[in-house]
Protein backbone atom coordinates (compact mmCIF):
# COMPACT_ATOMS: atom_id res chain seq x y z
CA MET A 1 0.00 0.00 0.00
CA THR A 2 1.20 3.55 -0.70
CA GLN A 3 0.48 7.06 0.35
CA LEU A 4 0.46 10.04 -2.02
CA GLY A 5 0.45 13.54 -0.54
CA THR A 6 -2.94 14.24 1.05
CA ARG A 7 -4.62 11.43 -0.86
CA ASP A 8 -5.07 8.77 1.82
CA GLY A 9 -7.77 7.01 3.74
CA THR A 10 -7.66 9.40 6.70
CA VAL A 11 -8.50 12.44 4.61
CA HIS A 12 -11.31 10.55 2.87
CA ASP A 13 -12.91 9.67 6.18
CA GLY A 14 -12.58 13.31 7.18
CA VAL A 15 -14.40 14.43 4.07
CA ARG A 16 -17.26 12.03 4.72
CA ASP A 17 -17.45 12.77 8.44
CA ALA A 18 -17.56 16.50 7.75
CA ALA A 19 -20.30 16.17 5.13
CA HIS A 20 -22.79 17.67 7.54
CA ALA A 21 -20.46 20.26 8.99
CA GLY A 22 -19.75 22.33 5.87
CA THR A 23 -16.17 22.97 6.96
CA ALA A 24 -12.80 22.58 5.27
CA THR A 25 -11.31 19.16 5.99
CA ASP A 26 -7.70 19.57 4.92
CA ASP A 27 -5.16 22.08 3.68
CA SER A 28 -6.26 21.55 0.07
CA GLY A 29 -9.63 23.19 0.85
CA VAL A 30 -12.00 20.25 0.26
CA ARG A 31 -15.24 20.95 2.14
CA GLY A 32 -18.39 19.16 3.21
CA LYS A 33 -21.68 20.62 1.96
CA GLY A 34 -24.24 19.54 4.57
CA LEU A 35 -26.06 17.15 2.22
CA GLY A 36 -27.98 14.18 3.60
CA GLY A 37 -25.50 11.32 3.72
CA ASN A 38 -26.28 7.60 3.31
CA SER A 39 -29.57 8.33 1.50
CA VAL A 40 -28.95 6.08 -1.52
CA GLY A 41 -27.45 2.61 -1.92
CA LEU A 42 -25.89 0.85 -4.90
CA ALA A 43 -29.18 -0.10 -6.57
CA GLY A 44 -30.71 3.33 -6.05
CA SER A 45 -27.61 5.07 -7.38
CA ALA A 46 -27.58 2.88 -10.52
CA VAL A 47 -31.30 3.52 -11.08
CA ILE A 48 -30.75 7.27 -10.84
CA GLY A 49 -27.96 7.03 -13.42
CA ILE A 50 -30.14 5.03 -15.83
CA SER A 51 -33.04 7.39 -15.26
CA THR A 52 -31.04 10.50 -16.12
CA VAL A 53 -29.97 8.98 -19.43
CA ALA A 54 -33.64 8.16 -20.24
CA PRO A 55 -33.03 5.11 -22.48
CA VAL A 56 -36.54 4.83 -23.95
CA TYR A 57 -36.67 8.53 -24.81
CA CYS A 58 -33.14 8.40 -26.30
CA LEU A 59 -34.04 5.40 -28.42
CA THR A 60 -37.24 6.82 -29.87
CA SER A 61 -35.55 10.11 -30.76
CA THR A 62 -32.21 8.79 -32.10
CA LEU A 63 -32.80 5.31 -33.56
CA GLY A 64 -34.10 6.83 -36.78
CA SER A 65 -31.49 9.56 -37.17
CA THR A 66 -28.63 7.14 -36.40
CA ALA A 67 -29.98 4.59 -38.89
CA GLY A 68 -30.26 7.38 -41.43
CA GLU A 69 -26.55 8.15 -41.00
CA VAL A 70 -25.02 4.65 -40.84
CA GLY A 71 -27.77 2.28 -42.01
CA LEU A 72 -27.60 -1.26 -40.67
CA HIS A 73 -24.38 -0.48 -38.77
CA MET A 74 -26.34 1.38 -36.11
CA PRO A 75 -25.55 -1.26 -33.40
CA ALA A 76 -21.84 -0.86 -34.20
CA VAL A 77 -22.09 2.89 -33.65
CA PHE A 78 -23.82 2.27 -30.31
CA LEU A 79 -20.82 0.14 -29.32
CA ALA A 80 -18.37 2.79 -30.59
CA GLY A 81 -20.16 5.49 -28.59
CA PHE A 82 -20.05 3.27 -25.52
CA LEU A 83 -16.24 2.91 -25.64
CA PRO A 84 -15.20 6.51 -24.81
CA MET A 85 -17.95 6.73 -22.20
CA LEU A 86 -16.72 3.55 -20.52
CA LEU A 87 -13.14 4.82 -20.52
CA VAL A 88 -14.21 8.15 -19.05
CA ALA A 89 -16.32 6.30 -16.47
CA PHE A 90 -13.09 4.73 -15.17
CA ALA A 91 -11.67 8.25 -14.72
CA TYR A 92 -14.76 9.28 -12.73
CA ARG A 93 -14.51 6.15 -10.60
CA GLU A 94 -10.85 6.70 -9.71
CA LEU A 95 -11.28 10.40 -8.97
CA ASN A 96 -14.35 9.68 -6.84
CA ARG A 97 -12.46 7.08 -4.82
CA ASP A 98 -9.87 9.68 -3.95
CA MET A 99 -12.19 12.66 -3.54
CA PRO A 100 -15.96 11.96 -3.21
CA ASP A 101 -17.14 15.52 -3.79
CA CYS A 102 -20.51 16.44 -5.32
CA GLY A 103 -18.76 19.02 -7.50
CA THR A 104 -17.29 16.09 -9.48
CA SER A 105 -15.93 17.48 -12.79
CA PHE A 106 -15.65 21.01 -11.42
CA THR A 107 -13.84 20.04 -8.22
CA TRP A 108 -11.57 17.47 -9.84
CA THR A 109 -10.43 19.69 -12.71
CA VAL A 110 -9.73 22.50 -10.26
CA LYS A 111 -7.53 20.13 -8.28
CA ALA A 112 -5.76 18.98 -11.43
CA PHE A 113 -5.52 22.08 -13.64
CA GLY A 114 -6.39 25.04 -11.45
CA PRO A 115 -9.42 27.29 -10.85
CA ARG A 116 -10.05 28.70 -14.33
CA ILE A 117 -10.11 25.44 -16.26
CA GLY A 118 -12.12 23.91 -13.42
CA TRP A 119 -14.65 26.75 -13.52
CA MET A 120 -15.13 26.35 -17.27
CA CYS A 121 -15.56 22.59 -16.84
CA GLY A 122 -18.28 23.24 -14.26
CA TRP A 123 -19.91 25.76 -16.59
CA GLY A 124 -19.95 23.18 -19.39
CA LEU A 125 -21.79 20.72 -17.14
CA VAL A 126 -24.28 23.31 -15.90
CA ILE A 127 -25.19 24.74 -19.30
CA ALA A 128 -25.44 21.28 -20.89
CA THR A 129 -27.81 20.21 -18.12
CA ILE A 130 -30.04 23.27 -18.54
CA ILE A 131 -30.32 22.52 -22.27
CA VAL A 132 -31.17 18.89 -21.57
CA LEU A 133 -33.76 19.84 -18.94
CA SER A 134 -35.46 22.14 -21.44
CA ASN A 135 -35.50 19.44 -24.10
CA LEU A 136 -36.77 16.78 -21.72
CA ALA A 137 -39.58 19.02 -20.51
CA GLY A 138 -40.68 19.66 -24.07
CA VAL A 139 -40.55 15.98 -25.03
CA ALA A 140 -42.42 14.89 -21.89
CA THR A 141 -45.12 17.46 -22.67
CA SER A 142 -45.55 16.34 -26.28
CA TYR A 143 -45.72 12.66 -25.37
CA LEU A 144 -48.12 13.35 -22.53
CA TRP A 145 -50.66 14.88 -24.92
CA LEU A 146 -49.99 12.11 -27.45
CA LEU A 147 -50.64 9.53 -24.73
CA LEU A 148 -53.84 11.27 -23.62
CA GLY A 149 -54.95 11.29 -27.24
CA GLU A 150 -54.29 7.55 -27.54
CA ILE A 151 -56.12 6.76 -24.32
CA SER A 152 -59.12 8.93 -25.19
CA GLY A 153 -59.11 7.93 -28.84
CA SER A 154 -59.42 11.61 -29.73
CA ALA A 155 -57.13 13.23 -32.29
CA SER A 156 -58.25 16.65 -31.03
CA VAL A 157 -56.82 15.89 -27.57
CA ALA A 158 -53.45 14.89 -29.03
CA ALA A 159 -53.55 18.03 -31.20
CA LEU A 160 -53.64 20.25 -28.10
CA ASP A 161 -49.87 19.99 -28.03
CA ASP A 162 -49.80 22.02 -31.25
CA SER A 163 -51.15 25.00 -29.30
CA LYS A 164 -48.17 26.97 -27.99
CA PRO A 165 -49.99 28.29 -24.89
CA VAL A 166 -51.19 24.79 -23.92
CA HIS A 167 -47.78 23.28 -24.63
CA ILE A 168 -45.89 25.90 -22.63
CA VAL A 169 -48.24 25.79 -19.63
CA THR A 170 -48.10 21.98 -19.52
CA CYS A 171 -44.32 22.11 -19.80
CA LEU A 172 -44.06 24.58 -16.92
CA VAL A 173 -46.23 22.38 -14.73
CA LEU A 174 -43.99 19.36 -15.40
CA ILE A 175 -40.88 21.40 -14.62
CA ALA A 176 -42.44 22.61 -11.37
CA VAL A 177 -43.35 19.06 -10.29
CA ALA A 178 -39.89 17.72 -11.15
CA THR A 179 -38.26 20.60 -9.25
CA ALA A 180 -40.44 19.93 -6.19
CA VAL A 181 -39.56 16.21 -6.10
CA SER A 182 -35.85 16.92 -6.49
CA HIS A 183 -36.08 19.58 -3.78
CA ARG A 184 -37.41 17.02 -1.29
CA GLY A 185 -34.20 15.02 -1.36
CA MET A 186 -32.63 11.82 -2.60
CA THR A 187 -35.02 9.55 -0.69
CA ALA A 188 -38.03 10.99 -2.53
CA THR A 189 -36.13 10.93 -5.80
CA LYS A 190 -35.15 7.29 -5.35
CA GLY A 191 -38.70 6.12 -4.66
CA VAL A 192 -40.10 7.80 -7.78
CA GLN A 193 -37.25 6.51 -9.93
CA TYR A 194 -37.65 2.83 -8.99
CA ALA A 195 -41.19 2.94 -10.39
CA LEU A 196 -40.49 4.98 -13.52
CA VAL A 197 -37.26 3.22 -14.52
CA GLY A 198 -38.74 -0.19 -13.82
CA LEU A 199 -41.74 0.62 -15.99
CA GLN A 200 -39.74 1.82 -18.98
CA LEU A 201 -37.28 -1.10 -18.90
CA VAL A 202 -40.09 -3.68 -18.68
CA VAL A 203 -41.95 -2.11 -21.63
CA LEU A 204 -38.71 -1.85 -23.61
CA ALA A 205 -38.03 -5.54 -22.98
CA MET A 206 -41.55 -6.33 -24.24
CA PHE A 207 -40.93 -4.30 -27.40
CA VAL A 208 -37.63 -6.06 -28.05
CA ALA A 209 -39.15 -9.53 -27.55
CA MET A 210 -42.10 -8.75 -29.85
CA ALA A 211 -39.82 -7.20 -32.49
CA PHE A 212 -37.67 -10.34 -32.52
CA SER A 213 -40.80 -12.47 -32.84
CA LYS A 214 -41.98 -10.44 -35.87
CA ALA A 215 -38.67 -10.57 -37.74
CA GLY A 216 -39.58 -11.39 -41.33
CA ASP A 217 -43.22 -10.30 -41.00
CA PHE A 218 -42.64 -6.89 -42.61
CA ALA A 219 -41.39 -6.26 -46.13
CA THR A 220 -38.59 -3.97 -44.93
CA GLY A 221 -37.21 -6.44 -42.35
CA VAL A 222 -33.60 -7.68 -42.66
CA ASP A 223 -31.87 -10.89 -41.57
CA PHE A 224 -29.30 -10.47 -38.80
CA SER A 225 -25.63 -10.13 -39.73
CA TRP A 226 -22.61 -9.91 -37.44
CA SER A 227 -21.35 -7.05 -39.62
CA TRP A 228 -23.94 -4.86 -37.90
CA LEU A 229 -21.63 -4.88 -34.86
CA ASN A 230 -18.45 -3.96 -36.79
CA PRO A 231 -17.76 -0.19 -36.69
CA PHE A 232 -15.14 -0.56 -39.44
CA SER A 233 -17.88 -1.58 -41.87
CA VAL A 234 -19.48 1.89 -41.82
CA GLY A 235 -19.43 3.35 -45.33
CA SER A 236 -17.67 6.66 -44.63
CA PHE A 237 -15.83 8.37 -41.82
CA ALA A 238 -18.20 11.34 -41.99
CA ALA A 239 -21.21 9.05 -41.50
CA PHE A 240 -19.42 7.27 -38.66
CA THR A 241 -18.60 10.47 -36.76
CA ALA A 242 -22.14 11.80 -37.28
CA GLY A 243 -23.57 8.59 -35.86
CA LEU A 244 -20.98 8.60 -33.06
CA SER A 245 -22.04 12.10 -31.99
CA LEU A 246 -25.63 10.89 -31.72
CA SER A 247 -24.68 7.77 -29.76
CA ILE A 248 -22.55 9.77 -27.29
CA PHE A 249 -25.61 11.87 -26.53
CA MET A 250 -27.49 8.62 -25.83
CA TYR A 251 -25.14 7.79 -22.96
CA TRP A 252 -25.00 11.25 -21.39
CA GLY A 253 -26.17 11.40 -17.77
CA TRP A 254 -24.64 8.30 -16.21
CA ASP A 255 -22.33 10.58 -14.18
CA THR A 256 -25.32 11.65 -12.07
CA CYS A 257 -24.40 8.62 -9.95
CA LEU A 258 -21.17 10.41 -9.07
CA THR A 259 -22.77 13.82 -8.51
CA ALA A 260 -24.85 12.27 -5.73
CA ASN A 261 -21.75 10.76 -4.11
CA GLU A 262 -21.97 12.71 -0.84
CA GLU A 263 -25.50 11.35 -0.34
CA THR A 264 -24.62 7.74 -1.20
CA VAL A 265 -23.73 4.89 1.13
CA GLY A 266 -20.01 4.23 0.66
CA SER A 267 -19.46 7.53 -1.13
CA ASP A 268 -15.94 6.70 -2.30
CA ARG A 269 -16.81 3.40 -4.05
CA THR A 270 -20.56 2.92 -4.52
CA PRO A 271 -21.12 5.73 -7.08
CA GLY A 272 -18.34 4.44 -9.33
CA ARG A 273 -19.75 0.93 -9.27
CA ALA A 274 -23.26 2.25 -9.89
CA SER A 275 -22.11 4.21 -12.94
CA LEU A 276 -20.55 1.09 -14.48
CA ILE A 277 -23.74 -0.90 -13.80
CA ALA A 278 -25.80 1.85 -15.44
CA MET A 279 -23.51 1.86 -18.48
CA ILE A 280 -23.82 -1.91 -18.92
CA VAL A 281 -27.63 -1.78 -18.67
CA LEU A 282 -27.72 1.05 -21.20
CA VAL A 283 -25.47 -0.50 -23.82
CA GLY A 284 -27.30 -3.82 -23.48
CA SER A 285 -30.66 -2.10 -23.93
CA TYR A 286 -29.47 -0.10 -26.94
CA LEU A 287 -27.91 -3.07 -28.70
CA ALA A 288 -30.92 -5.34 -28.11
CA THR A 289 -33.37 -2.68 -29.30
CA GLY A 290 -31.30 -1.73 -32.34
CA VAL A 291 -30.82 -5.31 -33.51
CA ALA A 292 -34.45 -6.28 -32.88
CA ALA A 293 -35.82 -3.19 -34.64
CA GLN A 294 -33.61 -3.73 -37.69
CA MET A 295 -34.56 -7.38 -37.95
CA ALA A 296 -38.23 -6.41 -37.78
CA VAL A 297 -38.39 -3.34 -40.04
CA GLY A 298 -34.87 -2.67 -41.37
CA SER A 299 -33.08 0.66 -41.50
CA GLY A 300 -34.22 1.90 -44.90
CA ASP A 301 -35.88 5.21 -45.69
CA ARG A 302 -39.22 3.82 -46.84
CA GLY A 303 -42.26 2.37 -45.10
CA LEU A 304 -41.54 1.25 -41.55
CA GLY A 305 -37.77 1.47 -42.09
CA LEU A 306 -35.98 3.19 -39.22
CA GLY A 307 -34.36 5.70 -41.58
CA ASN A 308 -37.65 6.99 -42.99
CA PRO A 309 -37.38 10.78 -42.52
CA LYS A 310 -41.14 11.00 -41.92
CA THR A 311 -40.89 8.91 -38.75
CA SER A 312 -37.20 9.09 -37.74
CA GLU A 313 -37.75 11.74 -35.07
CA ASN A 314 -40.24 9.52 -33.22
CA VAL A 315 -39.59 5.88 -34.11
CA PHE A 316 -41.66 4.28 -31.36
CA ALA A 317 -44.76 6.26 -32.36
CA ALA A 318 -44.50 4.65 -35.81
CA LEU A 319 -43.61 1.14 -34.61
CA ALA A 320 -45.82 0.85 -31.52
CA GLY A 321 -48.91 -0.40 -33.40
CA PRO A 322 -47.23 -2.65 -36.00
CA VAL A 323 -44.86 -4.33 -33.52
CA MET A 324 -46.88 -4.48 -30.29
CA GLY A 325 -50.42 -4.44 -31.67
CA PRO A 326 -53.27 -2.04 -30.85
CA GLY A 327 -53.82 -3.46 -27.36
CA LEU A 328 -50.27 -2.98 -26.08
CA SER A 329 -49.05 -0.08 -28.20
CA VAL A 330 -50.21 2.45 -25.62
CA LEU A 331 -47.66 1.00 -23.20
CA LEU A 332 -44.86 2.26 -25.41
CA PHE A 333 -46.24 5.80 -25.19
CA VAL A 334 -46.49 5.41 -21.41
CA ALA A 335 -42.86 4.26 -21.34
CA VAL A 336 -41.66 7.29 -23.30
CA VAL A 337 -43.57 9.66 -20.99
CA ALA A 338 -42.16 7.82 -17.95
CA SER A 339 -38.64 7.95 -19.41
CA ALA A 340 -38.70 11.68 -20.18
CA THR A 341 -40.42 12.53 -16.89
CA ALA A 342 -38.02 10.44 -14.82
CA SER A 343 -35.02 11.98 -16.54
CA LEU A 344 -36.45 15.46 -16.12
CA GLN A 345 -36.60 14.92 -12.37
CA THR A 346 -33.14 13.35 -11.88
CA THR A 347 -31.35 15.73 -14.25
CA PHE A 348 -31.81 18.41 -11.58
CA ILE A 349 -29.36 16.44 -9.40
CA PRO A 350 -26.09 17.20 -11.27
CA VAL A 351 -26.80 20.85 -12.01
CA ALA A 352 -27.95 21.66 -8.46
CA ARG A 353 -25.04 19.88 -6.80
CA THR A 354 -22.45 21.31 -9.16
CA VAL A 355 -23.77 24.81 -8.44
CA LEU A 356 -23.75 23.97 -4.71
CA ALA A 357 -20.10 22.91 -4.89
CA MET A 358 -19.07 25.93 -6.95
CA SER A 359 -20.78 28.19 -4.44
CA THR A 360 -19.28 26.35 -1.45
CA TYR A 361 -15.81 26.92 -2.90
CA GLU A 362 -16.69 30.60 -3.56
CA ALA A 363 -16.69 30.22 -7.36
CA LEU A 364 -20.35 31.37 -7.42
CA PRO A 365 -22.41 33.59 -5.07
CA ALA A 366 -22.58 32.28 -1.50
CA SER A 367 -26.40 32.14 -1.49
CA TYR A 368 -26.32 28.97 -3.62
CA ALA A 369 -24.35 27.14 -0.94
CA LYS A 370 -27.42 26.94 1.29
CA VAL A 371 -28.75 23.45 2.04
CA HIS A 372 -32.37 22.95 3.08
CA PRO A 373 -32.38 22.24 6.84
CA ARG A 374 -35.03 19.50 6.57
CA PHE A 375 -34.49 17.84 3.19
CA LYS A 376 -30.69 18.25 3.16
CA THR A 377 -30.72 19.29 -0.50
CA PRO A 378 -29.29 22.32 -2.33
CA GLY A 379 -32.70 23.98 -2.22
CA ARG A 380 -31.91 27.35 -3.76
CA ALA A 381 -29.74 25.83 -6.49
CA THR A 382 -32.50 23.33 -7.37
CA VAL A 383 -35.22 25.98 -7.54
CA THR A 384 -32.98 28.30 -9.55
CA ALA A 385 -32.26 25.52 -12.03
CA GLY A 386 -36.00 24.94 -12.39
CA ILE A 387 -36.66 28.62 -13.00
CA ALA A 388 -33.79 28.87 -15.49
CA THR A 389 -35.12 25.85 -17.38
CA ALA A 390 -38.66 27.25 -17.48
CA VAL A 391 -37.50 30.67 -18.67
CA PHE A 392 -35.11 29.25 -21.25
CA TYR A 393 -37.67 26.90 -22.77
CA THR A 394 -40.47 29.48 -22.79
CA VAL A 395 -38.36 32.19 -24.41
CA MET A 396 -36.87 29.85 -27.02
CA THR A 397 -40.29 28.43 -27.90
CA LEU A 398 -41.85 31.86 -28.30
CA VAL A 399 -38.93 33.49 -30.12
CA SER A 400 -37.80 30.74 -32.50
CA GLU A 401 -38.19 26.99 -32.49
CA HIS A 402 -35.22 26.85 -34.90
CA VAL A 403 -32.99 28.35 -32.20
CA LEU A 404 -34.29 25.80 -29.71
CA VAL A 405 -33.48 22.95 -32.10
CA ASP A 406 -30.00 24.33 -32.78
CA THR A 407 -29.36 24.69 -29.05
CA ILE A 408 -30.08 20.99 -28.62
CA TYR A 409 -27.69 20.17 -31.48
CA ALA A 410 -25.00 22.22 -29.69
CA LEU A 411 -25.39 19.99 -26.63
CA GLY A 412 -22.90 17.40 -27.91
CA LEU A 413 -20.17 20.05 -27.86
CA MET A 414 -20.77 20.73 -24.14
CA ILE A 415 -20.84 17.02 -23.28
CA CYS A 416 -17.54 16.25 -25.02
CA PHE A 417 -16.01 19.40 -23.49
CA TYR A 418 -16.49 18.59 -19.82
CA TYR A 419 -16.17 14.81 -20.11
CA ALA A 420 -12.83 15.13 -21.94
CA LEU A 421 -11.52 17.67 -19.41
CA THR A 422 -12.45 15.32 -16.56
CA ALA A 423 -10.69 12.39 -18.24
CA PHE A 424 -7.49 14.40 -18.72
CA ALA A 425 -7.79 15.71 -15.15
CA CYS A 426 -7.67 12.10 -13.92
CA VAL A 427 -4.44 11.41 -15.79
CA TRP A 428 -2.75 14.59 -14.55
CA TYR A 429 -4.04 14.36 -10.99
CA PHE A 430 -2.77 10.79 -10.59
CA ARG A 431 0.40 11.25 -12.64
CA ALA A 432 2.62 10.28 -9.73
CA ASP A 433 0.67 7.02 -9.26
CA LEU A 434 1.04 5.68 -12.79
CA ARG A 435 4.27 3.79 -12.12
CA THR A 436 3.13 2.14 -8.91
CA SER A 437 1.18 -0.73 -10.50
CA GLY A 438 -0.26 -2.01 -13.75
CA ARG A 439 -3.76 -1.36 -12.44
CA ASP A 440 -3.03 2.31 -11.71
CA LEU A 441 -1.39 2.74 -15.11
CA LEU A 442 -4.46 1.39 -16.90
CA PHE A 443 -7.36 2.79 -14.86
CA LYS A 444 -5.82 6.13 -13.85
CA GLY A 445 -3.75 6.71 -16.97
CA VAL A 446 -4.26 4.80 -20.21
CA PHE A 447 -8.04 4.32 -20.16
CA PRO A 448 -8.93 7.92 -19.16
CA PHE A 449 -6.38 9.34 -21.62
CA VAL A 450 -7.72 7.34 -24.55
CA GLY A 451 -11.29 8.26 -23.58
CA GLY A 452 -10.35 11.93 -23.40
CA VAL A 453 -8.60 11.81 -26.79
CA LEU A 454 -11.62 10.14 -28.42
CA LEU A 455 -14.03 12.73 -27.02
CA THR A 456 -11.68 15.56 -28.02
CA ALA A 457 -11.68 14.19 -31.57
CA VAL A 458 -15.49 14.13 -31.58
CA PHE A 459 -15.49 17.68 -30.15
CA ALA A 460 -13.20 18.91 -32.94
CA LYS A 461 -15.13 17.13 -35.69
CA THR A 462 -18.46 18.42 -34.34
CA LEU A 463 -17.05 21.94 -34.15
CA TYR A 464 -15.98 21.67 -37.79
CA ASP A 465 -19.35 20.34 -38.92
CA MET A 466 -21.24 23.02 -36.98
CA TRP A 467 -19.68 25.76 -39.13
CA ASP A 468 -21.85 24.61 -42.02
CA PRO A 469 -25.29 26.29 -41.92
CA ALA A 470 -26.81 22.98 -43.07
CA TYR A 471 -26.00 21.50 -39.67
CA GLY A 472 -29.06 21.55 -37.40
CA SER A 473 -32.07 23.62 -38.46
CA GLY A 474 -30.29 25.06 -41.50
CA SER A 475 -30.21 28.65 -40.20
CA SER A 476 -27.08 30.81 -40.11
CA VAL A 477 -25.59 34.00 -38.71
CA LEU A 478 -23.46 35.96 -41.19
CA GLY A 479 -22.94 32.78 -43.16
CA VAL A 480 -21.89 30.71 -40.13
CA GLY A 481 -24.06 27.86 -38.91
CA SER A 482 -26.35 28.78 -36.01
CA VAL A 483 -25.34 25.66 -34.11
CA PHE A 484 -21.68 26.79 -34.21
CA VAL A 485 -22.62 30.28 -33.04
CA ILE A 486 -24.73 28.91 -30.18
CA GLY A 487 -22.22 26.26 -29.08
CA VAL A 488 -19.16 28.48 -29.14
CA GLY A 489 -21.21 31.41 -27.87
CA LEU A 490 -22.34 29.53 -24.77
CA LEU A 491 -18.75 28.56 -23.94
CA ALA A 492 -17.62 32.14 -24.53
CA LEU A 493 -20.44 33.38 -22.28
CA GLY A 494 -19.09 31.12 -19.56
CA ALA A 495 -15.64 32.64 -19.94
CA ILE A 496 -17.10 36.17 -19.69
CA ILE A 497 -19.08 35.29 -16.54
CA MET A 498 -15.96 33.69 -15.07
CA ILE A 499 -13.91 36.85 -15.66
CA ALA A 500 -16.66 39.03 -14.20
CA PHE A 501 -17.08 36.87 -11.12
CA GLY A 502 -13.32 36.66 -10.70
CA ARG A 503 -13.41 40.29 -9.65
CA ARG A 504 -15.99 39.51 -6.97
CA SER A 505 -14.28 36.38 -5.66
CA PRO A 506 -10.54 36.74 -6.28
CA ALA A 507 -9.63 34.22 -3.56
CA PHE A 508 -11.00 31.25 -5.49
CA PHE A 509 -9.29 32.26 -8.71
CA ARG A 510 -6.00 32.78 -6.87
CA GLY A 511 -6.24 29.15 -5.76
CA GLU A 512 -6.67 29.98 -2.09
CA ILE A 513 -10.02 28.20 -1.54
CA LEU A 514 -9.69 24.94 -3.45
CA LYS A 515 -6.02 24.32 -4.03
CA LYS A 516 -4.50 22.74 -7.07
CA GLU A 517 -2.98 19.38 -6.13
CA THR A 518 0.75 18.84 -6.47
CA PRO A 519 1.39 15.10 -6.12
CA ALA A 520 4.05 14.04 -3.69
CA LEU A 521 6.53 11.33 -4.47
CA VAL A 522 5.12 7.87 -3.86
CA VAL A 523 6.62 6.42 -0.72
CA PRO A 524 6.02 2.73 0.18
CA GLU A 525 4.72 2.14 3.69
């Protein structure tokens, strides 16, 4: 066994024991936040991670577009998107073992690279989460009215979603409910999530089984081939990277397990294990659904084919009746509503806790560091996130739906940005450990580095593609694609806010609050 600077078991216990005290625990400035500890176990943590990703919602919204890009090689792209996420998950696990802090990416990159890079990493997570919350609220609203139309058998009920006032009011109600549940703490969140995640996974399993059973029944169906799982069989690199960007989005959110680390039993190990369990469940679900759907209806652009542009934005709405029959098709709509609603509620966890951590370390106003005395949650940060989501979605919907669509397309840039930074932070933070054992070299060095490089490559390729006005809604600003302007603009806005707040809180940006870690030489015990 070895010791490395301040990174030892004693300090870890101090961090956990001080979780309710809100005081600094060591010279590096790591602080407890006052969150409710031991609220979630391994199963609950994994369920929250799965819920945030929203597998059923992701599948219905991306199966078609991914099939349109890569055809029958869609399962291979799902595997390729899983690889960098798995490698980055190892980085999160190792960093969490050493420093179980709810600030996760923000705190860890500050410790590795200093306050400014860490602040921008935290900003990337926060702004990506606000975008996702807005999108989830809109999707949950649309599917809710679609479900009510199916249940009532009335097209006019389903058509109510086309009314902007009705849509916006319904969306605001869902955001308010999700904010209230998140505000009540991890125990309330966990109970809701067991039901919603269980429902969507059971219905998804039913869809997969029935799709397999109907392979060959439809004219567009295709016989299974192992080449579907080979990413090197994709026709072009451009198609592969486009599909990869979509599949990376499909895995986003598993790190919520880590953001809730200070409220989890065994905070240094349980969240990391839960994130890996969530990843395995997700990739298994995606592969099974992709293969079953292609065997049943194929990936072409006609009829029931997954790549049909008329149905690609909502695949399950088109396949529910043909695959599951009129009696059970409504369950698929229920599953999509449950998936989007569950994710809407749990997605408040990472943004609220990241803001809490940034405020605790004086990187944001001190008012956001307040924890509710009864529920032990970052109450003000949660409510503020809910208000920001409601305002953002309402304004974007009223001003321009094209801008809202382009904002969602820019999301991939934010995801790759803060995931890649966290992966590289792991390598740099543990750089003195990499020669101690083969395990440390792989899990703290090689795997995170490769994951970070892969996500950086996707970031660069996405940035290049975004310059083209054809990317996203097709709109442009002075000849530059709107998605590029929005994506780069949001990151630039973060830099401006950071500079402005640096004048109000110079201590954090001088490295006096949360200190950058300088590894000591490894000394055997």
